[in-house]
Protein backbone atom coordinates (compact mmCIF):
# COMPACT_ATOMS: atom_id res chain seq x y z
CA MET A 1 9.40 13.92 19.41
CA ILE A 2 8.03 10.59 20.79
CA THR A 3 10.03 9.10 23.66
CA PRO A 4 10.38 5.35 24.38
CA GLY A 5 8.09 5.67 27.39
CA GLN A 6 5.41 7.38 25.36
CA GLN A 7 5.73 4.68 22.63
CA ARG A 8 5.40 1.82 25.16
CA ASP A 9 2.38 3.55 26.85
CA TRP A 10 0.60 3.94 23.48
CA LEU A 11 1.23 0.37 22.56
CA GLN A 12 0.01 -0.76 25.92
CA GLN A 13 -3.18 1.11 25.56
CA LEU A 14 -3.81 -0.69 22.25
CA VAL A 15 -2.96 -4.06 23.55
CA SER A 16 -5.30 -3.55 26.54
CA ALA A 17 -8.21 -2.33 24.27
CA GLN A 18 -7.77 -4.93 21.57
CA ASP A 19 -9.38 -8.38 21.53
CA VAL A 20 -8.10 -11.03 19.12
CA ALA A 21 -9.95 -13.96 17.69
CA ALA A 22 -10.11 -16.57 20.57
CA ASN A 23 -10.81 -19.27 18.03
CA ASN A 24 -7.38 -19.00 16.48
CA PRO A 25 -5.21 -22.16 16.59
CA GLN A 26 -2.90 -22.50 19.55
CA TRP A 27 0.17 -21.80 17.56
CA MET A 28 -1.32 -18.43 16.60
CA LEU A 29 -2.38 -17.52 20.08
CA ASP A 30 1.19 -18.37 21.32
CA ARG A 31 2.75 -16.30 18.51
CA ARG A 32 0.40 -13.30 19.38
CA ALA A 33 1.45 -13.41 23.08
CA THR A 34 5.17 -13.45 22.13
CA LEU A 35 4.72 -10.62 19.79
CA LYS A 36 2.84 -8.50 22.35
CA GLU A 37 5.90 -8.75 24.63
CA LEU A 38 8.40 -8.21 21.88
CA MET A 39 6.93 -5.06 20.45
CA MET A 40 7.31 -3.33 23.84
CA THR A 41 11.14 -3.68 23.44
CA LEU A 42 11.46 -2.52 19.91
CA PRO A 43 13.27 0.78 19.19
CA VAL A 44 11.24 3.94 19.31
CA ILE A 45 10.18 5.34 15.94
CA ASN A 46 11.49 8.84 15.48
CA ARG A 47 13.47 10.81 12.91
CA SER A 48 16.80 9.49 14.20
CA LEU A 49 15.86 6.32 12.19
CA GLU A 50 16.90 6.51 8.58
CA ALA A 51 13.69 4.85 7.43
CA TRP A 52 11.53 7.41 9.26
CA ARG A 53 13.71 10.56 8.90
CA TYR A 54 11.12 12.46 6.86
CA THR A 55 8.00 11.05 8.38
CA SER A 56 6.81 12.02 11.86
CA ILE A 57 4.57 9.72 13.83
CA ASP A 58 4.02 12.25 16.74
CA ALA A 59 0.45 13.13 15.73
CA LEU A 60 -0.42 9.50 15.14
CA MET A 61 0.69 8.55 18.61
CA GLN A 62 -1.34 11.23 20.17
CA GLN A 63 -4.56 9.53 19.07
CA ALA A 64 -6.39 7.19 21.39
CA PHE A 65 -7.40 4.46 18.97
CA LYS A 66 -10.01 1.93 20.14
CA SER A 67 -10.69 -1.57 19.20
CA VAL A 68 -13.24 -2.45 16.50
CA ASP A 69 -16.25 -3.96 18.23
CA ALA A 70 -19.69 -3.99 16.56
CA LEU A 71 -19.57 -3.37 12.84
CA PRO A 72 -21.75 -0.61 11.26
CA GLU A 73 -24.66 -1.77 9.23
CA VAL A 74 -23.63 -1.74 5.53
CA THR A 75 -25.71 -2.77 2.67
CA ALA A 76 -24.69 -3.89 -0.76
CA ASN A 77 -25.96 -0.66 -2.33
CA HIS A 78 -23.66 1.50 -0.25
CA ALA A 79 -22.23 4.30 -2.55
CA LEU A 80 -18.66 3.33 -1.87
CA LEU A 81 -19.27 -0.36 -2.89
CA THR A 82 -20.45 0.53 -6.41
CA PRO A 83 -18.91 -1.94 -8.81
CA VAL A 84 -16.08 -0.63 -10.81
CA ILE A 85 -14.99 -3.91 -12.45
CA ASP A 86 -16.51 -7.30 -12.99
CA SER A 87 -14.61 -9.36 -10.32
CA TYR A 88 -14.57 -11.90 -7.52
CA ARG A 89 -15.13 -9.63 -4.65
CA ILE A 90 -14.43 -9.56 -0.96
CA VAL A 91 -15.49 -6.69 1.35
CA LEU A 92 -13.81 -5.98 4.71
CA VAL A 93 -15.72 -3.46 6.83
CA ASN A 94 -13.45 -1.85 9.50
CA GLY A 95 -10.99 -4.66 8.88
CA ARG A 96 -13.45 -7.57 9.24
CA TYR A 97 -14.75 -9.90 6.49
CA VAL A 98 -18.47 -9.48 5.65
CA ALA A 99 -19.80 -12.54 3.93
CA SER A 100 -23.06 -10.93 2.81
CA LEU A 101 -21.14 -8.36 0.77
CA SER A 102 -18.67 -10.73 -0.73
CA GLN A 103 -18.59 -12.90 -3.86
CA GLN A 104 -18.20 -16.56 -3.14
CA LYS A 105 -18.57 -18.36 -6.49
CA LEU A 106 -14.99 -19.14 -7.07
CA PRO A 107 -13.24 -21.49 -9.62
CA ALA A 108 -11.79 -24.79 -8.52
CA GLY A 109 -8.30 -24.46 -6.95
CA VAL A 110 -8.87 -21.00 -5.46
CA TYR A 111 -9.46 -19.96 -1.85
CA PHE A 112 -10.38 -16.27 -1.55
CA GLY A 113 -11.83 -15.57 1.90
CA SER A 114 -11.58 -14.58 5.61
CA LEU A 115 -8.15 -15.14 7.13
CA ASN A 116 -9.71 -15.96 10.53
CA ALA A 117 -11.79 -18.72 8.87
CA ALA A 118 -8.78 -19.87 6.96
CA LEU A 119 -6.71 -20.39 10.10
CA LYS A 120 -9.06 -23.25 10.99
CA THR A 121 -9.63 -24.64 7.51
CA HIS A 122 -6.28 -24.01 5.77
CA ASN A 123 -3.78 -24.80 8.43
CA ASP A 124 -1.46 -26.53 5.84
CA ILE A 125 -0.94 -23.03 4.17
CA LEU A 126 -0.93 -20.85 7.18
CA SER A 127 0.74 -23.03 9.84
CA ALA A 128 3.86 -21.66 11.58
CA GLU A 129 6.03 -24.25 9.66
CA SER A 130 4.73 -23.10 6.22
CA GLY A 131 6.50 -19.80 6.36
CA MET A 132 3.62 -18.04 4.49
CA MET A 133 2.70 -15.91 7.48
CA PRO A 134 5.94 -15.00 9.17
CA ASP A 135 6.39 -12.68 12.19
CA HIS A 136 7.18 -9.10 11.11
CA VAL A 137 9.20 -7.06 13.73
CA GLU A 138 10.93 -4.63 11.52
CA HIS A 139 9.35 -1.78 13.51
CA VAL A 140 6.53 -1.43 16.10
CA PHE A 141 3.78 -1.14 13.48
CA SER A 142 4.58 -4.41 11.73
CA ALA A 143 4.83 -6.06 15.10
CA LEU A 144 1.52 -4.45 16.12
CA ASN A 145 -0.26 -6.07 13.24
CA SER A 146 1.40 -9.36 13.63
CA ALA A 147 0.30 -9.45 17.27
CA LEU A 148 -3.20 -7.99 17.00
CA HIS A 149 -4.53 -8.45 13.42
CA GLN A 150 -8.29 -8.81 13.65
CA ASP A 151 -9.12 -10.40 10.35
CA GLY A 152 -7.96 -10.28 6.69
CA VAL A 153 -7.89 -12.26 3.56
CA LEU A 154 -6.25 -15.43 2.42
CA LEU A 155 -5.78 -15.72 -1.31
CA HIS A 156 -4.42 -19.10 -2.37
CA ILE A 157 -4.32 -20.22 -6.03
CA ALA A 158 -3.26 -23.81 -6.82
CA ALA A 159 -0.65 -24.55 -9.39
CA GLY A 160 -1.51 -23.83 -12.99
CA VAL A 161 -4.83 -22.11 -12.30
CA GLU A 162 -5.48 -18.87 -14.27
CA LEU A 163 -8.50 -16.86 -13.21
CA ASP A 164 -11.02 -15.58 -15.87
CA LYS A 165 -11.57 -12.24 -14.18
CA PRO A 166 -9.84 -10.12 -11.34
CA LEU A 167 -10.11 -10.69 -7.75
CA GLU A 168 -10.97 -7.56 -5.67
CA ILE A 169 -10.64 -6.54 -2.09
CA ILE A 170 -12.63 -3.55 -0.90
CA TYR A 171 -11.67 -2.04 2.53
CA LEU A 172 -14.57 0.01 3.73
CA ASN A 173 -13.81 1.94 6.89
CA GLN A 174 -16.65 3.77 8.76
CA CYS A 175 -15.92 5.19 12.26
CA ALA A 176 -18.57 7.65 13.46
CA ASP A 177 -18.05 8.10 17.15
CA GLN A 178 -14.37 7.28 17.97
CA ALA A 179 -10.96 6.83 16.39
CA MET A 180 -10.39 3.14 15.56
CA LEU A 181 -7.44 0.75 15.03
CA ILE A 182 -8.19 -1.26 11.96
CA GLN A 183 -5.58 -4.04 11.26
CA PRO A 184 -6.18 -6.42 8.36
CA ARG A 185 -3.67 -9.04 7.58
CA ASN A 186 -3.51 -10.58 4.14
CA VAL A 187 -1.61 -13.77 2.88
CA ILE A 188 -1.41 -14.02 -0.88
CA ALA A 189 0.11 -17.22 -2.25
CA LEU A 190 0.25 -18.31 -5.87
CA ASP A 191 1.44 -21.81 -6.49
CA ALA A 192 3.63 -22.76 -9.44
CA GLY A 193 2.38 -21.40 -12.86
CA ALA A 194 -0.72 -19.70 -11.30
CA LYS A 195 -1.82 -16.40 -12.73
CA ALA A 196 -4.13 -13.71 -11.33
CA THR A 197 -5.02 -10.07 -11.13
CA LEU A 198 -5.75 -8.50 -7.76
CA VAL A 199 -7.35 -5.08 -7.09
CA GLU A 200 -7.51 -3.45 -3.70
CA ARG A 201 -9.49 -0.41 -2.94
CA PHE A 202 -9.30 1.53 0.27
CA VAL A 203 -12.34 3.75 0.86
CA SER A 204 -14.07 5.44 3.77
CA SER A 205 -16.66 8.02 4.68
CA ASP A 206 -15.31 11.62 4.70
CA HIS A 207 -15.05 12.17 8.32
CA SER A 208 -13.91 8.82 9.63
CA VAL A 209 -10.88 8.99 11.93
CA TYR A 210 -8.86 5.66 12.20
CA PHE A 211 -5.51 4.08 11.72
CA ASN A 212 -5.58 1.45 8.95
CA ASN A 213 -2.36 -0.62 9.79
CA GLN A 214 -2.34 -3.17 6.93
CA LEU A 215 0.12 -5.92 6.41
CA ALA A 216 0.40 -8.34 3.50
CA ASP A 217 2.71 -11.31 2.64
CA ILE A 218 2.74 -12.11 -1.08
CA VAL A 219 4.61 -15.22 -2.17
CA LEU A 220 4.86 -16.24 -5.83
CA ALA A 221 6.14 -19.71 -6.64
CA ASP A 222 7.96 -20.72 -9.81
CA ASP A 223 6.41 -19.21 -12.99
CA ALA A 224 3.53 -17.63 -11.08
CA LYS A 225 2.30 -14.13 -12.25
CA LEU A 226 0.39 -11.65 -10.20
CA THR A 227 -0.77 -8.15 -11.41
CA HIS A 228 -1.73 -6.02 -8.45
CA TYR A 229 -3.58 -2.70 -8.42
CA ARG A 230 -3.95 -0.61 -5.21
CA LEU A 231 -6.13 2.41 -4.98
CA GLN A 232 -5.98 4.37 -1.74
CA ASP A 233 -8.76 7.02 -1.55
CA GLU A 234 -9.55 7.31 2.17
CA SER A 235 -10.80 9.86 4.53
CA ARG A 236 -8.59 13.08 4.94
CA HIS A 237 -8.81 12.33 8.71
CA ALA A 238 -7.36 8.77 8.36
CA TRP A 239 -3.83 7.36 8.94
CA HIS A 240 -2.93 4.59 6.50
CA LEU A 241 0.08 2.33 6.59
CA GLY A 242 0.33 -0.46 4.09
CA SER A 243 3.29 -2.98 4.46
CA LEU A 244 3.82 -5.35 1.65
CA TYR A 245 6.42 -8.17 1.86
CA LEU A 246 7.08 -9.81 -1.48
CA THR A 247 8.83 -13.16 -2.08
CA LEU A 248 9.66 -14.05 -5.70
CA ARG A 249 10.88 -17.43 -6.79
CA ALA A 250 12.14 -18.64 -10.13
CA ARG A 251 10.69 -16.93 -13.19
CA SER A 252 7.82 -15.36 -11.17
CA GLN A 253 6.47 -12.01 -12.22
CA TYR A 254 4.93 -9.30 -9.96
CA ARG A 255 3.56 -6.11 -11.45
CA ALA A 256 1.97 -3.49 -9.33
CA THR A 257 0.40 -0.06 -9.70
CA SER A 258 -0.31 1.91 -6.57
CA LEU A 259 -2.42 5.05 -6.57
CA ALA A 260 -2.62 7.34 -3.40
CA PHE A 261 -5.16 10.11 -3.42
CA GLY A 262 -6.56 10.16 0.21
CA GLY A 263 -5.60 10.01 3.80
CA ARG A 264 -4.14 12.57 6.19
CA TRP A 265 -1.02 10.48 6.76
CA ALA A 266 -0.50 7.65 4.18
CA ARG A 267 2.66 5.43 3.99
CA THR A 268 3.25 2.37 1.79
CA ASP A 269 6.21 0.10 2.21
CA PHE A 270 7.29 -2.48 -0.46
CA VAL A 271 9.91 -4.96 0.69
CA THR A 272 11.03 -7.23 -2.17
CA ALA A 273 13.07 -10.33 -1.79
CA PHE A 274 14.30 -12.18 -4.93
CA GLN A 275 14.85 -15.83 -3.85
CA GLN A 276 15.54 -17.49 -7.17
CA ALA A 277 16.75 -16.46 -10.54
CA ASP A 278 14.89 -14.91 -13.53
CA ALA A 279 12.10 -13.24 -11.45
CA VAL A 280 10.66 -9.91 -12.41
CA CYS A 281 9.23 -7.09 -10.13
CA GLU A 282 7.73 -3.87 -11.62
CA LEU A 283 6.41 -1.27 -9.27
CA ASN A 284 4.60 1.87 -10.53
CA GLY A 285 3.01 4.56 -8.48
CA LEU A 286 1.08 7.86 -8.58
CA TYR A 287 0.30 10.06 -5.55
CA THR A 288 -1.43 13.47 -5.25
CA VAL A 289 -0.77 15.48 -2.08
CA GLY A 290 -2.61 18.58 -0.89
CA ASP A 291 -3.14 20.63 2.22
CA GLN A 292 -2.81 18.69 5.52
CA GLN A 293 -1.69 15.57 3.71
CA LEU A 294 1.51 13.55 3.79
CA VAL A 295 2.06 10.66 1.36
CA ASP A 296 5.11 8.40 1.86
CA PHE A 297 6.42 5.59 -0.30
CA HIS A 298 9.29 3.25 0.78
CA LEU A 299 10.81 0.74 -1.45
CA ASP A 300 13.28 -1.82 -0.32
CA THR A 301 14.34 -4.15 -3.19
CA ARG A 302 16.83 -6.79 -2.43
CA HIS A 303 18.62 -8.63 -5.22
CA SER A 304 20.47 -11.58 -3.76
CA VAL A 305 20.33 -14.01 -6.73
CA PRO A 306 21.34 -13.58 -10.42
CA ASP A 307 19.40 -12.64 -13.52
CA CYS A 308 16.44 -10.79 -11.86
CA VAL A 309 14.69 -7.59 -12.97
CA SER A 310 13.29 -4.79 -10.91
CA HIS A 311 11.88 -1.57 -12.51
CA SER A 312 10.17 1.03 -10.27
CA HIS A 313 8.71 4.36 -11.42
CA PHE A 314 6.82 6.66 -9.18
CA LYS A 315 5.21 10.02 -9.94
CA GLY A 316 3.88 12.77 -7.58
CA LEU A 317 1.45 15.84 -7.99
CA LEU A 318 1.84 18.18 -5.05
CA TYR A 319 -0.32 21.34 -4.35
CA GLY A 320 -1.22 23.58 -1.46
CA LYS A 321 0.98 22.73 1.51
CA GLY A 322 1.15 19.00 0.81
CA ARG A 323 4.21 16.90 1.67
CA ALA A 324 5.45 13.76 -0.05
CA VAL A 325 8.25 11.44 0.75
CA PHE A 326 9.83 8.88 -1.56
CA ASP A 327 12.56 6.65 -0.26
CA GLY A 328 13.62 3.87 -2.67
CA ARG A 329 16.56 1.53 -2.14
CA ILE A 330 17.95 -1.17 -4.45
CA LEU A 331 20.50 -3.53 -2.87
CA VAL A 332 22.44 -5.76 -5.31
CA GLU A 333 24.43 -8.36 -3.51
CA GLN A 334 27.71 -9.99 -4.73
CA ASP A 335 26.07 -13.02 -6.08
CA ALA A 336 23.30 -11.04 -7.96
CA GLN A 337 25.17 -10.89 -11.27
CA ARG A 338 23.30 -9.74 -14.43
CA THR A 339 20.76 -7.75 -12.31
CA ASP A 340 18.67 -5.25 -14.25
CA ALA A 341 17.42 -2.65 -11.83
CA LYS A 342 15.93 0.78 -12.46
CA LEU A 343 14.50 3.30 -10.07
CA SER A 344 12.94 6.67 -10.75
CA ASN A 345 10.78 9.28 -8.98
CA ASP A 346 9.38 12.46 -10.77
CA ASN A 347 7.42 15.14 -8.97
CA LEU A 348 5.46 18.29 -10.09
CA LEU A 349 5.10 21.04 -7.48
CA LEU A 350 2.02 22.97 -8.28
CA THR A 351 2.55 25.50 -5.56
CA ARG A 352 5.44 27.06 -3.88
CA ASP A 353 4.59 25.66 -0.43
CA ALA A 354 4.38 22.12 -1.66
CA GLU A 355 7.30 19.92 -0.50
CA VAL A 356 8.80 16.54 -1.46
CA ASP A 357 11.69 14.70 0.12
CA THR A 358 12.92 12.16 -2.45
CA LYS A 359 15.95 9.68 -1.94
CA PRO A 360 16.50 6.98 -4.59
CA GLN A 361 19.39 4.82 -3.62
CA LEU A 362 21.60 2.09 -5.26
CA GLU A 363 23.86 -0.21 -3.26
CA ILE A 364 25.80 -2.43 -5.60
CA TYR A 365 28.26 -5.26 -4.73
CA ALA A 366 28.16 -7.19 -8.07
CA ASP A 367 30.09 -6.10 -11.05
CA ASP A 368 27.96 -7.38 -13.95
CA VAL A 369 24.89 -5.33 -13.67
CA GLN A 370 22.57 -2.79 -15.56
CA CYS A 371 21.27 -0.38 -12.77
CA SER A 372 20.17 3.28 -12.75
CA HIS A 373 18.31 5.63 -10.48
CA GLY A 374 17.26 9.25 -10.61
CA THR A 375 14.74 11.84 -9.44
CA THR A 376 13.22 15.07 -10.77
CA VAL A 377 11.41 17.79 -8.93
CA GLY A 378 9.98 20.64 -10.95
CA GLN A 379 7.02 22.97 -11.81
CA LEU A 380 4.70 23.15 -14.86
CA ASP A 381 6.45 24.64 -17.97
CA ALA A 382 5.33 28.24 -18.25
CA GLN A 383 5.96 28.16 -22.02
CA GLN A 384 3.63 25.23 -22.37
CA ILE A 385 0.96 26.96 -20.29
CA PHE A 386 1.42 30.12 -22.45
CA TYR A 387 1.11 28.10 -25.69
CA MET A 388 -2.11 26.50 -24.67
CA ARG A 389 -3.60 29.80 -23.36
CA SER A 390 -2.70 31.46 -26.59
CA ARG A 391 -4.96 28.91 -28.25
CA GLY A 392 -7.98 29.77 -26.09
CA ILE A 393 -7.58 27.24 -23.25
CA ASP A 394 -8.09 28.78 -19.87
CA ALA A 395 -5.28 28.46 -17.29
CA ALA A 396 -7.03 25.86 -15.09
CA THR A 397 -7.73 23.54 -18.03
CA ALA A 398 -4.29 23.93 -19.40
CA ARG A 399 -2.90 22.90 -15.99
CA ASP A 400 -5.15 19.88 -15.74
CA MET A 401 -4.20 18.69 -19.16
CA LEU A 402 -0.53 19.00 -18.46
CA CYS A 403 -0.94 17.17 -15.09
CA LEU A 404 -2.87 14.37 -16.85
CA GLY A 405 -0.21 14.08 -19.48
CA PHE A 406 2.35 13.82 -16.64
CA ALA A 407 0.31 11.17 -14.86
CA ASN A 408 -0.74 8.98 -17.75
CA THR A 409 2.46 7.16 -18.00
CA VAL A 410 1.53 5.55 -14.63
CA LEU A 411 -2.25 5.20 -15.36
CA ASP A 412 -1.38 3.51 -18.73
CA THR A 413 0.13 0.64 -16.63
CA ILE A 414 -3.44 -0.35 -15.51
CA GLN A 415 -4.49 -2.95 -17.96
CA LEU A 416 -8.24 -3.07 -16.85
CA PRO A 417 -9.92 -0.37 -18.93
CA ALA A 418 -12.76 0.13 -16.39
CA LEU A 419 -10.33 0.62 -13.53
CA GLN A 420 -8.10 2.84 -15.49
CA GLU A 421 -11.13 5.08 -16.40
CA PHE A 422 -12.14 5.10 -12.73
CA ALA A 423 -8.65 6.02 -11.61
CA SER A 424 -8.51 8.82 -14.30
CA HIS A 425 -11.84 10.12 -12.96
CA LYS A 426 -10.48 10.16 -9.42
CA LEU A 427 -7.49 12.19 -10.59
CA ASN A 428 -9.66 14.51 -12.44
CA GLU A 429 -11.73 15.12 -9.34
CA THR A 430 -8.50 15.96 -7.39
CA LEU A 431 -7.28 18.38 -10.06
CA HIS A 432 -10.58 20.13 -10.24
CA ALA A 433 -10.75 20.55 -6.41
CA MET A 434 -7.17 21.44 -5.68
CA ASP A 435 -6.11 24.93 -4.62
CA VAL A 436 -3.15 25.96 -6.76
CA THR A 437 -3.01 29.66 -5.84
CA GLU A 438 0.47 30.78 -5.05
CA GLY A 439 1.40 29.37 -1.65
CA GLY A 440 -1.85 27.31 -1.34
CA SER A 441 -4.12 27.59 1.74
CA ASP A 442 -2.80 28.01 5.24
CA GLY A 443 -3.55 24.37 6.11
CA SER A 444 -5.03 25.45 9.48
């Protein structure tokens, strides 16, 4: 187990090795300096903390991650940049914005570009007083990003603007010679009545070793609507931590589908704060977990005002010796009357050695609510397998068909046909490659 001294030493090594953008405005440089000091005093992350009970960071903190310096040469015809949808596109290579790979022809009223550049040109949105880019010190990793983020994306859509096609961010990570720390910071702000679809794809070369510590602030003003798709398909040698902080104002709507296929250690945190009435938040997710993989989803949904809706539904397919964690919490405060909140997590264990720790929670202090939560963990139905095999379908195909049927309720929430087809193809690739012999492989 990591000790406080080991955590401080690890953080100090990263601080010493990491350069930040010297051209940041003074308020940002002052904030970074304060956060560097503060994160050394934060509690050590270990399994004594409820939020980290099932997720060890020991192997992560044994890695000597280095700063991103010179970027690898990447051309527009790189295989991992193959267009999936027609979109306004930004590409971050190792966490840094690359203009030559990004689409810049944007409609009026939309800024979609480098965060570092925006810190100079859009200070009205990103200033310390605006509240769009708050300090995050919930744990050492959020503080680490707040102090040392290298670049990222600002998406700002003016009031009433509705885009004609999706916005897309591709995170391409390639680390050939050393383990790298990659820390994009995103700010996504939709003004009143704005409407958009955002797609994020996390991809990397097969043997890249890195820690992708991403943090995003998403603020939806009155009547704004954001549909958000996230596809994580990174190297099996990579660590991935995505922290998303959602602020929802009156009648705003946020709908997200998150797919997690890759990574050695991958965790996604959604923290949702309802600030005004009649807002809606829908979170859907699908994860596949195999040998030497851990996938972790944490949901913290906070209802503090009346008449809001939060529906969350996550599904997992586990095989080999894969491990998954699902920790979902809904808090309904006393003033949050007429809350409609649902939380569910369903898992299929395809081998005996697969494991899932699932903990949906409801904490209710209001008396006029409609709330429910539940979880299921099971195996494929032997009678269904037998039925399909008796009609000439081989065992592997029968298994794949049942798994696809299980997953399709999440995939069907993707309203972009080309992206849905791409995600289905990725799931099929995983199903065909998985080892589902009893007990899986030894994971060594």
